[in-house]
Amino acid sequence: MSIQERRERERAEREKLIIAAARELAETEGWDAVTTRRLAERVEYSQPVLYSHFGGKDAIKAAVAVEGFAELATGLAAARAAAPDPARALAAVSDAYMDFARRRPALYDAMFSQTVDLPFATAAAPPALHAGFGEIAEALRPHANGDDLGLLTEVFWAALHGLATLTRGGRLPAGSHDRRLAILLARFVPAAGPGA
């Protein structure tokens, strides 16, 4: 391995360490607790080293968000692939999405609520963002009924996000979550008719 390759590998490892520390701190204490000073202490590097990797806290949050979108896409793909039919695939993807938002609140916030410098809904968006969108789109494809799949996916994703955010924030009672999700899914997957 050349010196340059070793340096690049070490740099990538430092970036992963910084991102992991930011995620851990955000999950335990919230995003307000994530500062470059605290991160530098946690990873045992100086603040200038952090700034040599990321331009500041917002850039670190963006890196965390991209990592989150990759994890979300992987979970959605696994849920869709494990489902035996298109109706259950959409339900499985929806459940996986809601479970991700519930289990990873700080990560979900980095992806959707925190200010991050990421292009959304454009060709310039990172591949991880496209992958998550693509998994929802593929689960919806059999139910599009001639609608624009991109717009349909945006609407469905927005509905999932709204349910996740309002439930997490205590604005919707958690006890009715399953019924709400069933209502949403029924709008996209009609119940099987007689003899089905």
N, C-alpha and C. Protein backbone atom coordinates (compact mmCIF):
# COMPACT_ATOMS: atom_id res chain seq x y z
N MET A 1 0.84 -1.17 0.00
CA MET A 1 0.00 0.00 0.00
C MET A 1 0.89 1.24 0.00
N SER A 2 0.55 2.17 -0.87
CA SER A 2 1.34 3.39 -0.97
C SER A 2 1.04 4.32 0.21
N ILE A 3 1.91 5.29 0.42
CA ILE A 3 1.70 6.27 1.50
C ILE A 3 0.40 7.03 1.25
N GLN A 4 0.15 7.38 0.00
CA GLN A 4 -1.08 8.11 -0.34
C GLN A 4 -2.32 7.27 -0.02
N GLU A 5 -2.29 5.99 -0.38
CA GLU A 5 -3.43 5.11 -0.09
C GLU A 5 -3.65 4.98 1.41
N ARG A 6 -2.57 4.85 2.17
CA ARG A 6 -2.68 4.74 3.62
C ARG A 6 -3.28 6.01 4.21
N ARG A 7 -2.84 7.17 3.72
CA ARG A 7 -3.39 8.44 4.21
C ARG A 7 -4.87 8.57 3.89
N GLU A 8 -5.27 8.16 2.70
CA GLU A 8 -6.68 8.21 2.32
C GLU A 8 -7.52 7.28 3.20
N ARG A 9 -6.98 6.09 3.47
CA ARG A 9 -7.69 5.15 4.33
C ARG A 9 -7.83 5.72 5.75
N GLU A 10 -6.75 6.29 6.28
CA GLU A 10 -6.79 6.88 7.62
C GLU A 10 -7.77 8.05 7.67
N ARG A 11 -7.79 8.84 6.61
CA ARG A 11 -8.73 9.97 6.55
C ARG A 11 -10.17 9.46 6.56
N ALA A 12 -10.46 8.44 5.77
CA ALA A 12 -11.80 7.86 5.73
C ALA A 12 -12.19 7.29 7.09
N GLU A 13 -11.24 6.67 7.77
CA GLU A 13 -11.51 6.12 9.11
C GLU A 13 -11.81 7.23 10.11
N ARG A 14 -11.07 8.35 10.02
CA ARG A 14 -11.33 9.49 10.91
C ARG A 14 -12.73 10.06 10.65
N GLU A 15 -13.09 10.16 9.37
CA GLU A 15 -14.42 10.68 9.04
C GLU A 15 -15.51 9.78 9.62
N LYS A 16 -15.34 8.46 9.49
CA LYS A 16 -16.32 7.53 10.05
C LYS A 16 -16.41 7.68 11.56
N LEU A 17 -15.27 7.87 12.20
CA LEU A 17 -15.22 8.04 13.65
C LEU A 17 -15.96 9.31 14.06
N ILE A 18 -15.75 10.39 13.34
CA ILE A 18 -16.41 11.66 13.64
C ILE A 18 -17.93 11.52 13.46
N ILE A 19 -18.34 10.90 12.37
CA ILE A 19 -19.77 10.70 12.10
C ILE A 19 -20.39 9.83 13.19
N ALA A 20 -19.72 8.75 13.55
CA ALA A 20 -20.25 7.86 14.59
C ALA A 20 -20.37 8.60 15.92
N ALA A 21 -19.38 9.42 16.25
CA ALA A 21 -19.43 10.18 17.50
C ALA A 21 -20.58 11.18 17.48
N ALA A 22 -20.80 11.83 16.35
CA ALA A 22 -21.90 12.79 16.23
C ALA A 22 -23.24 12.08 16.39
N ARG A 23 -23.39 10.94 15.77
CA ARG A 23 -24.63 10.18 15.90
C ARG A 23 -24.88 9.78 17.34
N GLU A 24 -23.86 9.27 17.99
CA GLU A 24 -24.00 8.81 19.37
C GLU A 24 -24.37 9.97 20.29
N LEU A 25 -23.69 11.08 20.14
CA LEU A 25 -23.96 12.24 20.96
C LEU A 25 -25.37 12.77 20.71
N ALA A 26 -25.77 12.83 19.46
CA ALA A 26 -27.12 13.30 19.12
C ALA A 26 -28.18 12.36 19.68
N GLU A 27 -27.97 11.05 19.58
CA GLU A 27 -28.95 10.09 20.10
C GLU A 27 -29.08 10.18 21.61
N THR A 28 -27.99 10.45 22.31
CA THR A 28 -28.05 10.46 23.77
C THR A 28 -28.42 11.83 24.34
N GLU A 29 -27.99 12.93 23.67
CA GLU A 29 -28.19 14.25 24.25
C GLU A 29 -28.90 15.24 23.32
N GLY A 30 -29.15 14.87 22.09
CA GLY A 30 -29.80 15.76 21.14
C GLY A 30 -28.81 16.52 20.29
N TRP A 31 -29.29 17.08 19.17
CA TRP A 31 -28.41 17.76 18.22
C TRP A 31 -27.80 19.03 18.78
N ASP A 32 -28.44 19.67 19.73
CA ASP A 32 -27.85 20.87 20.31
C ASP A 32 -26.55 20.57 21.05
N ALA A 33 -26.41 19.33 21.52
CA ALA A 33 -25.19 18.94 22.24
C ALA A 33 -24.03 18.64 21.31
N VAL A 34 -24.31 18.50 20.02
CA VAL A 34 -23.26 18.17 19.06
C VAL A 34 -22.56 19.45 18.65
N THR A 35 -21.36 19.64 19.17
CA THR A 35 -20.52 20.79 18.80
C THR A 35 -19.18 20.24 18.34
N THR A 36 -18.46 21.04 17.58
CA THR A 36 -17.14 20.57 17.13
C THR A 36 -16.20 20.38 18.31
N ARG A 37 -16.37 21.19 19.35
CA ARG A 37 -15.51 21.03 20.52
C ARG A 37 -15.78 19.69 21.21
N ARG A 38 -17.06 19.36 21.41
CA ARG A 38 -17.39 18.09 22.05
C ARG A 38 -17.00 16.91 21.18
N LEU A 39 -17.17 17.05 19.89
CA LEU A 39 -16.77 15.95 19.00
C LEU A 39 -15.26 15.76 19.03
N ALA A 40 -14.53 16.85 19.01
CA ALA A 40 -13.07 16.76 19.07
C ALA A 40 -12.63 16.03 20.33
N GLU A 41 -13.27 16.33 21.45
CA GLU A 41 -12.95 15.64 22.70
C GLU A 41 -13.26 14.16 22.60
N ARG A 42 -14.41 13.83 22.02
CA ARG A 42 -14.83 12.42 21.95
C ARG A 42 -13.94 11.59 21.04
N VAL A 43 -13.53 12.16 19.93
CA VAL A 43 -12.72 11.38 18.97
C VAL A 43 -11.22 11.56 19.22
N GLU A 44 -10.90 12.44 20.16
CA GLU A 44 -9.51 12.68 20.55
C GLU A 44 -8.65 13.21 19.40
N TYR A 45 -9.26 14.13 18.66
CA TYR A 45 -8.55 14.89 17.65
C TYR A 45 -8.83 16.36 17.93
N SER A 46 -8.00 17.23 17.42
CA SER A 46 -8.20 18.66 17.63
C SER A 46 -9.34 19.15 16.73
N GLN A 47 -9.90 20.31 17.10
CA GLN A 47 -10.93 20.90 16.26
C GLN A 47 -10.43 21.19 14.85
N PRO A 48 -9.18 21.66 14.67
CA PRO A 48 -8.71 21.85 13.30
C PRO A 48 -8.73 20.56 12.47
N VAL A 49 -8.49 19.42 13.11
CA VAL A 49 -8.57 18.14 12.38
C VAL A 49 -10.00 17.91 11.93
N LEU A 50 -10.98 18.17 12.81
CA LEU A 50 -12.38 18.02 12.42
C LEU A 50 -12.70 18.93 11.24
N TYR A 51 -12.22 20.18 11.32
CA TYR A 51 -12.49 21.12 10.23
C TYR A 51 -11.76 20.74 8.94
N SER A 52 -10.71 19.95 9.04
CA SER A 52 -10.05 19.49 7.81
C SER A 52 -10.88 18.42 7.10
N HIS A 53 -11.81 17.82 7.83
CA HIS A 53 -12.70 16.81 7.25
C HIS A 53 -14.07 17.39 6.90
N PHE A 54 -14.57 18.25 7.77
CA PHE A 54 -15.91 18.81 7.60
C PHE A 54 -15.84 20.31 7.86
N GLY A 55 -16.61 21.07 7.12
CA GLY A 55 -16.59 22.53 7.26
C GLY A 55 -17.22 23.04 8.54
N GLY A 56 -17.83 22.17 9.31
CA GLY A 56 -18.48 22.57 10.55
C GLY A 56 -19.58 21.60 10.91
N LYS A 57 -20.35 21.97 11.90
CA LYS A 57 -21.41 21.10 12.40
C LYS A 57 -22.44 20.75 11.32
N ASP A 58 -22.81 21.71 10.49
CA ASP A 58 -23.79 21.44 9.45
C ASP A 58 -23.29 20.40 8.46
N ALA A 59 -22.02 20.44 8.13
CA ALA A 59 -21.45 19.44 7.22
C ALA A 59 -21.42 18.07 7.87
N ILE A 60 -21.18 18.03 9.17
CA ILE A 60 -21.21 16.74 9.89
C ILE A 60 -22.64 16.20 9.89
N LYS A 61 -23.61 17.08 10.15
CA LYS A 61 -25.02 16.64 10.12
C LYS A 61 -25.40 16.12 8.73
N ALA A 62 -24.90 16.76 7.69
CA ALA A 62 -25.19 16.30 6.33
C ALA A 62 -24.61 14.91 6.10
N ALA A 63 -23.40 14.66 6.59
CA ALA A 63 -22.78 13.35 6.45
C ALA A 63 -23.57 12.30 7.24
N VAL A 64 -24.04 12.67 8.42
CA VAL A 64 -24.88 11.77 9.21
C VAL A 64 -26.17 11.49 8.45
N ALA A 65 -26.77 12.51 7.86
CA ALA A 65 -28.02 12.33 7.12
C ALA A 65 -27.83 11.38 5.94
N VAL A 66 -26.75 11.53 5.20
CA VAL A 66 -26.50 10.64 4.06
C VAL A 66 -26.37 9.20 4.55
N GLU A 67 -25.64 9.02 5.64
CA GLU A 67 -25.50 7.69 6.22
C GLU A 67 -26.88 7.14 6.63
N GLY A 68 -27.71 8.00 7.19
CA GLY A 68 -29.05 7.59 7.58
C GLY A 68 -29.90 7.18 6.39
N PHE A 69 -29.82 7.94 5.31
CA PHE A 69 -30.58 7.58 4.11
C PHE A 69 -30.12 6.24 3.55
N ALA A 70 -28.84 5.96 3.62
CA ALA A 70 -28.33 4.65 3.15
C ALA A 70 -28.89 3.54 4.02
N GLU A 71 -28.91 3.74 5.33
CA GLU A 71 -29.46 2.72 6.23
C GLU A 71 -30.96 2.54 6.00
N LEU A 72 -31.66 3.65 5.82
CA LEU A 72 -33.10 3.56 5.55
C LEU A 72 -33.35 2.79 4.26
N ALA A 73 -32.61 3.10 3.21
CA ALA A 73 -32.80 2.41 1.93
C ALA A 73 -32.55 0.91 2.07
N THR A 74 -31.53 0.54 2.82
CA THR A 74 -31.24 -0.88 3.03
C THR A 74 -32.40 -1.56 3.74
N GLY A 75 -32.92 -0.92 4.77
CA GLY A 75 -34.06 -1.49 5.50
C GLY A 75 -35.31 -1.60 4.65
N LEU A 76 -35.57 -0.58 3.84
CA LEU A 76 -36.74 -0.61 2.97
C LEU A 76 -36.60 -1.70 1.90
N ALA A 77 -35.41 -1.84 1.36
CA ALA A 77 -35.17 -2.87 0.34
C ALA A 77 -35.39 -4.27 0.93
N ALA A 78 -34.88 -4.49 2.13
CA ALA A 78 -35.05 -5.80 2.77
C ALA A 78 -36.52 -6.08 3.04
N ALA A 79 -37.26 -5.08 3.49
CA ALA A 79 -38.69 -5.26 3.76
C ALA A 79 -39.45 -5.57 2.48
N ARG A 80 -39.14 -4.85 1.42
CA ARG A 80 -39.83 -5.06 0.14
C ARG A 80 -39.52 -6.44 -0.43
N ALA A 81 -38.25 -6.84 -0.35
CA ALA A 81 -37.84 -8.13 -0.91
C ALA A 81 -38.44 -9.31 -0.14
N ALA A 82 -38.68 -9.14 1.15
CA ALA A 82 -39.21 -10.24 1.96
C ALA A 82 -40.72 -10.41 1.83
N ALA A 83 -41.39 -9.43 1.26
CA ALA A 83 -42.84 -9.49 1.15
C ALA A 83 -43.27 -10.44 0.03
N PRO A 84 -44.33 -11.21 0.25
CA PRO A 84 -44.76 -12.20 -0.74
C PRO A 84 -45.55 -11.63 -1.92
N ASP A 85 -46.07 -10.41 -1.80
CA ASP A 85 -46.87 -9.86 -2.89
C ASP A 85 -46.82 -8.32 -2.81
N PRO A 86 -47.26 -7.63 -3.87
CA PRO A 86 -47.17 -6.17 -3.91
C PRO A 86 -47.91 -5.45 -2.78
N ALA A 87 -49.07 -5.96 -2.39
CA ALA A 87 -49.82 -5.29 -1.31
C ALA A 87 -49.05 -5.38 -0.01
N ARG A 88 -48.52 -6.55 0.28
CA ARG A 88 -47.77 -6.70 1.52
C ARG A 88 -46.41 -6.02 1.44
N ALA A 89 -45.89 -5.86 0.22
CA ALA A 89 -44.61 -5.15 0.07
C ALA A 89 -44.77 -3.69 0.48
N LEU A 90 -45.86 -3.07 0.05
CA LEU A 90 -46.08 -1.67 0.41
C LEU A 90 -46.28 -1.54 1.93
N ALA A 91 -47.00 -2.47 2.51
CA ALA A 91 -47.21 -2.45 3.96
C ALA A 91 -45.88 -2.67 4.69
N ALA A 92 -45.07 -3.60 4.19
CA ALA A 92 -43.78 -3.89 4.84
C ALA A 92 -42.83 -2.70 4.75
N VAL A 93 -42.80 -2.04 3.60
CA VAL A 93 -41.96 -0.85 3.43
C VAL A 93 -42.44 0.25 4.37
N SER A 94 -43.75 0.43 4.48
CA SER A 94 -44.30 1.45 5.37
C SER A 94 -43.94 1.15 6.82
N ASP A 95 -44.09 -0.11 7.22
CA ASP A 95 -43.73 -0.50 8.59
C ASP A 95 -42.25 -0.28 8.85
N ALA A 96 -41.41 -0.65 7.88
CA ALA A 96 -39.97 -0.48 8.05
C ALA A 96 -39.61 1.00 8.17
N TYR A 97 -40.28 1.83 7.40
CA TYR A 97 -40.03 3.27 7.47
C TYR A 97 -40.40 3.81 8.85
N MET A 98 -41.59 3.47 9.30
CA MET A 98 -42.06 3.97 10.59
C MET A 98 -41.18 3.45 11.73
N ASP A 99 -40.75 2.20 11.63
CA ASP A 99 -39.88 1.62 12.65
C ASP A 99 -38.54 2.34 12.68
N PHE A 100 -38.00 2.66 11.52
CA PHE A 100 -36.73 3.40 11.45
C PHE A 100 -36.87 4.75 12.15
N ALA A 101 -37.93 5.48 11.85
CA ALA A 101 -38.14 6.80 12.46
C ALA A 101 -38.28 6.69 13.97
N ARG A 102 -38.93 5.63 14.44
CA ARG A 102 -39.12 5.45 15.87
C ARG A 102 -37.83 5.05 16.59
N ARG A 103 -37.08 4.14 15.99
CA ARG A 103 -35.87 3.62 16.63
C ARG A 103 -34.68 4.58 16.57
N ARG A 104 -34.62 5.43 15.58
CA ARG A 104 -33.47 6.30 15.35
C ARG A 104 -33.90 7.76 15.31
N PRO A 105 -34.42 8.31 16.39
CA PRO A 105 -34.98 9.67 16.32
C PRO A 105 -33.97 10.75 15.94
N ALA A 106 -32.78 10.72 16.48
CA ALA A 106 -31.80 11.77 16.15
C ALA A 106 -31.31 11.62 14.71
N LEU A 107 -31.15 10.39 14.27
CA LEU A 107 -30.74 10.15 12.88
C LEU A 107 -31.85 10.62 11.93
N TYR A 108 -33.08 10.28 12.26
CA TYR A 108 -34.22 10.71 11.45
C TYR A 108 -34.29 12.24 11.40
N ASP A 109 -34.05 12.88 12.55
CA ASP A 109 -34.04 14.35 12.57
C ASP A 109 -32.95 14.92 11.68
N ALA A 110 -31.77 14.30 11.69
CA ALA A 110 -30.69 14.78 10.81
C ALA A 110 -31.11 14.69 9.35
N MET A 111 -31.84 13.64 9.02
CA MET A 111 -32.26 13.42 7.65
C MET A 111 -33.36 14.39 7.20
N PHE A 112 -34.27 14.74 8.13
CA PHE A 112 -35.47 15.45 7.71
C PHE A 112 -35.75 16.77 8.42
N SER A 113 -35.21 16.98 9.60
CA SER A 113 -35.59 18.17 10.36
C SER A 113 -34.45 19.16 10.55
N GLN A 114 -33.23 18.68 10.61
CA GLN A 114 -32.09 19.56 10.81
C GLN A 114 -31.73 20.25 9.49
N THR A 115 -31.11 21.41 9.60
CA THR A 115 -30.63 22.11 8.41
C THR A 115 -29.39 21.40 7.90
N VAL A 116 -29.48 20.88 6.70
CA VAL A 116 -28.33 20.22 6.07
C VAL A 116 -28.20 20.73 4.65
N ASP A 117 -26.99 20.81 4.19
CA ASP A 117 -26.72 21.29 2.83
C ASP A 117 -26.66 20.10 1.88
N LEU A 118 -27.84 19.55 1.61
CA LEU A 118 -27.95 18.44 0.68
C LEU A 118 -29.01 18.79 -0.36
N PRO A 119 -28.76 18.48 -1.61
CA PRO A 119 -29.81 18.69 -2.61
C PRO A 119 -30.83 17.55 -2.53
N PHE A 120 -32.08 17.89 -2.44
CA PHE A 120 -33.15 16.89 -2.43
C PHE A 120 -33.91 16.99 -3.74
N ALA A 121 -34.45 15.87 -4.17
CA ALA A 121 -35.33 15.81 -5.34
C ALA A 121 -34.68 16.38 -6.60
N THR A 122 -33.37 16.17 -6.73
CA THR A 122 -32.66 16.57 -7.95
C THR A 122 -31.69 15.46 -8.33
N ALA A 123 -31.20 15.52 -9.54
CA ALA A 123 -30.21 14.54 -9.98
C ALA A 123 -28.92 14.65 -9.16
N ALA A 124 -28.67 15.82 -8.59
CA ALA A 124 -27.45 16.04 -7.81
C ALA A 124 -27.52 15.46 -6.40
N ALA A 125 -28.68 14.96 -6.00
CA ALA A 125 -28.82 14.38 -4.65
C ALA A 125 -27.90 13.17 -4.53
N PRO A 126 -27.34 12.96 -3.35
CA PRO A 126 -26.48 11.78 -3.15
C PRO A 126 -27.23 10.48 -3.47
N PRO A 127 -26.51 9.47 -3.94
CA PRO A 127 -27.15 8.19 -4.30
C PRO A 127 -28.00 7.60 -3.17
N ALA A 128 -27.60 7.77 -1.92
CA ALA A 128 -28.37 7.21 -0.81
C ALA A 128 -29.78 7.81 -0.74
N LEU A 129 -29.92 9.09 -1.08
CA LEU A 129 -31.23 9.72 -1.07
C LEU A 129 -32.10 9.14 -2.18
N HIS A 130 -31.50 8.93 -3.34
CA HIS A 130 -32.22 8.33 -4.45
C HIS A 130 -32.62 6.89 -4.12
N ALA A 131 -31.77 6.17 -3.41
CA ALA A 131 -32.04 4.77 -3.10
C ALA A 131 -33.27 4.63 -2.21
N GLY A 132 -33.37 5.46 -1.18
CA GLY A 132 -34.54 5.40 -0.30
C GLY A 132 -35.82 5.74 -1.06
N PHE A 133 -35.76 6.79 -1.85
CA PHE A 133 -36.91 7.18 -2.67
C PHE A 133 -37.27 6.05 -3.63
N GLY A 134 -36.24 5.44 -4.23
CA GLY A 134 -36.46 4.35 -5.19
C GLY A 134 -37.14 3.15 -4.57
N GLU A 135 -36.82 2.84 -3.33
CA GLU A 135 -37.46 1.70 -2.67
C GLU A 135 -38.94 1.97 -2.44
N ILE A 136 -39.27 3.17 -2.03
CA ILE A 136 -40.69 3.51 -1.84
C ILE A 136 -41.40 3.49 -3.20
N ALA A 137 -40.73 4.03 -4.23
CA ALA A 137 -41.33 4.05 -5.56
C ALA A 137 -41.60 2.64 -6.07
N GLU A 138 -40.65 1.74 -5.87
CA GLU A 138 -40.85 0.36 -6.34
C GLU A 138 -41.99 -0.34 -5.60
N ALA A 139 -42.14 -0.04 -4.32
CA ALA A 139 -43.25 -0.62 -3.57
C ALA A 139 -44.59 -0.05 -4.05
N LEU A 140 -44.58 1.19 -4.51
CA LEU A 140 -45.80 1.84 -5.01
C LEU A 140 -46.11 1.51 -6.46
N ARG A 141 -45.10 1.15 -7.23
CA ARG A 141 -45.27 0.96 -8.69
C ARG A 141 -46.50 0.11 -9.05
N PRO A 142 -46.72 -1.04 -8.40
CA PRO A 142 -47.89 -1.84 -8.79
C PRO A 142 -49.23 -1.17 -8.47
N HIS A 143 -49.21 -0.13 -7.69
CA HIS A 143 -50.44 0.52 -7.25
C HIS A 143 -50.61 1.92 -7.86
N ALA A 144 -49.77 2.27 -8.82
CA ALA A 144 -49.77 3.63 -9.37
C ALA A 144 -51.01 3.93 -10.20
N ASN A 145 -51.59 2.94 -10.83
CA ASN A 145 -52.82 3.12 -11.61
C ASN A 145 -52.76 4.30 -12.56
N GLY A 146 -51.64 4.45 -13.24
CA GLY A 146 -51.50 5.51 -14.23
C GLY A 146 -51.04 6.85 -13.67
N ASP A 147 -50.95 6.97 -12.36
CA ASP A 147 -50.46 8.22 -11.77
C ASP A 147 -48.96 8.36 -12.02
N ASP A 148 -48.47 9.57 -11.99
CA ASP A 148 -47.05 9.84 -12.10
C ASP A 148 -46.36 9.22 -10.88
N LEU A 149 -45.50 8.22 -11.12
CA LEU A 149 -44.90 7.47 -10.02
C LEU A 149 -44.04 8.35 -9.13
N GLY A 150 -43.32 9.30 -9.70
CA GLY A 150 -42.50 10.19 -8.90
C GLY A 150 -43.33 11.04 -7.95
N LEU A 151 -44.40 11.62 -8.48
CA LEU A 151 -45.27 12.45 -7.63
C LEU A 151 -46.01 11.61 -6.61
N LEU A 152 -46.46 10.44 -7.02
CA LEU A 152 -47.13 9.54 -6.09
C LEU A 152 -46.21 9.15 -4.95
N THR A 153 -44.95 8.89 -5.27
CA THR A 153 -43.98 8.53 -4.25
C THR A 153 -43.75 9.70 -3.29
N GLU A 154 -43.66 10.91 -3.84
CA GLU A 154 -43.51 12.09 -2.97
C GLU A 154 -44.68 12.22 -2.00
N VAL A 155 -45.90 12.02 -2.51
CA VAL A 155 -47.09 12.15 -1.66
C VAL A 155 -47.10 11.06 -0.59
N PHE A 156 -46.80 9.83 -0.98
CA PHE A 156 -46.82 8.73 -0.03
C PHE A 156 -45.72 8.93 1.02
N TRP A 157 -44.52 9.30 0.57
CA TRP A 157 -43.42 9.55 1.51
C TRP A 157 -43.79 10.67 2.47
N ALA A 158 -44.40 11.73 1.95
CA ALA A 158 -44.81 12.85 2.80
C ALA A 158 -45.82 12.38 3.85
N ALA A 159 -46.73 11.50 3.46
CA ALA A 159 -47.71 10.98 4.42
C ALA A 159 -47.01 10.15 5.50
N LEU A 160 -46.08 9.28 5.11
CA LEU A 160 -45.33 8.51 6.10
C LEU A 160 -44.56 9.43 7.03
N HIS A 161 -43.88 10.40 6.44
CA HIS A 161 -43.10 11.34 7.24
C HIS A 161 -44.01 12.12 8.21
N GLY A 162 -45.14 12.55 7.74
CA GLY A 162 -46.08 13.28 8.60
C GLY A 162 -46.54 12.42 9.76
N LEU A 163 -46.90 11.18 9.47
CA LEU A 163 -47.33 10.28 10.55
C LEU A 163 -46.20 10.05 11.55
N ALA A 164 -45.00 9.82 11.03
CA ALA A 164 -43.86 9.57 11.91
C ALA A 164 -43.56 10.79 12.78
N THR A 165 -43.52 11.95 12.17
CA THR A 165 -43.16 13.17 12.89
C THR A 165 -44.23 13.56 13.90
N LEU A 166 -45.48 13.51 13.51
CA LEU A 166 -46.56 13.91 14.42
C LEU A 166 -46.72 12.91 15.57
N THR A 167 -46.52 11.65 15.30
CA THR A 167 -46.61 10.65 16.37
C THR A 167 -45.44 10.80 17.33
N ARG A 168 -44.21 10.94 16.79
CA ARG A 168 -43.03 11.12 17.65
C ARG A 168 -43.15 12.37 18.49
N GLY A 169 -43.74 13.41 17.95
CA GLY A 169 -43.87 14.66 18.67
C GLY A 169 -45.05 14.70 19.64
N GLY A 170 -45.79 13.60 19.74
CA GLY A 170 -46.92 13.53 20.66
C GLY A 170 -48.15 14.27 20.18
N ARG A 171 -48.17 14.67 18.91
CA ARG A 171 -49.32 15.39 18.38
C ARG A 171 -50.42 14.45 17.89
N LEU A 172 -50.05 13.20 17.65
CA LEU A 172 -51.03 12.16 17.33
C LEU A 172 -50.87 11.06 18.38
N PRO A 173 -51.95 10.56 18.92
CA PRO A 173 -51.84 9.50 19.93
C PRO A 173 -51.21 8.23 19.33
N ALA A 174 -50.19 7.74 19.98
CA ALA A 174 -49.46 6.56 19.48
C ALA A 174 -50.35 5.33 19.40
N GLY A 175 -51.35 5.24 20.26
CA GLY A 175 -52.21 4.06 20.28
C GLY A 175 -53.00 3.82 19.01
N SER A 176 -53.17 4.85 18.20
CA SER A 176 -53.93 4.70 16.94
C SER A 176 -53.02 4.60 15.72
N HIS A 177 -51.74 4.44 15.95
CA HIS A 177 -50.78 4.41 14.84
C HIS A 177 -51.13 3.35 13.80
N ASP A 178 -51.37 2.13 14.22
CA ASP A 178 -51.65 1.04 13.28
C ASP A 178 -52.90 1.33 12.46
N ARG A 179 -53.92 1.89 13.08
CA ARG A 179 -55.15 2.21 12.34
C ARG A 179 -54.89 3.31 11.31
N ARG A 180 -54.11 4.33 11.71
CA ARG A 180 -53.78 5.40 10.76
C ARG A 180 -53.03 4.85 9.54
N LEU A 181 -52.05 4.00 9.81
CA LEU A 181 -51.26 3.43 8.72
C LEU A 181 -52.14 2.55 7.83
N ALA A 182 -53.07 1.81 8.42
CA ALA A 182 -53.99 0.97 7.63
C ALA A 182 -54.86 1.84 6.72
N ILE A 183 -55.31 2.98 7.23
CA ILE A 183 -56.12 3.90 6.41
C ILE A 183 -55.31 4.41 5.23
N LEU A 184 -54.07 4.79 5.49
CA LEU A 184 -53.21 5.27 4.40
C LEU A 184 -53.01 4.17 3.35
N LEU A 185 -52.66 2.99 3.80
CA LEU A 185 -52.41 1.89 2.87
C LEU A 185 -53.66 1.54 2.07
N ALA A 186 -54.84 1.61 2.69
CA ALA A 186 -56.09 1.28 1.99
C ALA A 186 -56.35 2.24 0.83
N ARG A 187 -55.81 3.44 0.89
CA ARG A 187 -55.99 4.39 -0.21
C ARG A 187 -55.16 4.00 -1.43
N PHE A 188 -54.12 3.20 -1.19
CA PHE A 188 -53.23 2.80 -2.27
C PHE A 188 -53.42 1.35 -2.69
N VAL A 189 -53.87 0.52 -1.77
CA VAL A 189 -54.07 -0.91 -2.04
C VAL A 189 -55.49 -1.26 -1.64
N PRO A 190 -56.41 -1.28 -2.60
CA PRO A 190 -57.79 -1.62 -2.25
C PRO A 190 -57.87 -3.04 -1.70
N ALA A 191 -58.83 -3.25 -0.81
CA ALA A 191 -59.02 -4.58 -0.23
C ALA A 191 -59.39 -5.55 -1.35
N ALA A 192 -58.96 -6.79 -1.17
CA ALA A 192 -59.27 -7.82 -2.18
C ALA A 192 -60.77 -8.03 -2.25
N GLY A 193 -61.26 -8.17 -3.45
CA GLY A 193 -62.69 -8.36 -3.66
C GLY A 193 -63.09 -9.81 -3.44
N PRO A 194 -64.39 -10.13 -3.64
CA PRO A 194 -64.87 -11.49 -3.47
C PRO A 194 -64.14 -12.45 -4.40
N GLY A 195 -63.84 -13.60 -3.87
CA GLY A 195 -63.18 -14.63 -4.68
C GLY A 195 -61.70 -14.40 -4.88
N ALA A 196 -61.15 -13.37 -4.24
CA ALA A 196 -59.73 -13.09 -4.42
C ALA A 196 -58.88 -14.02 -3.57
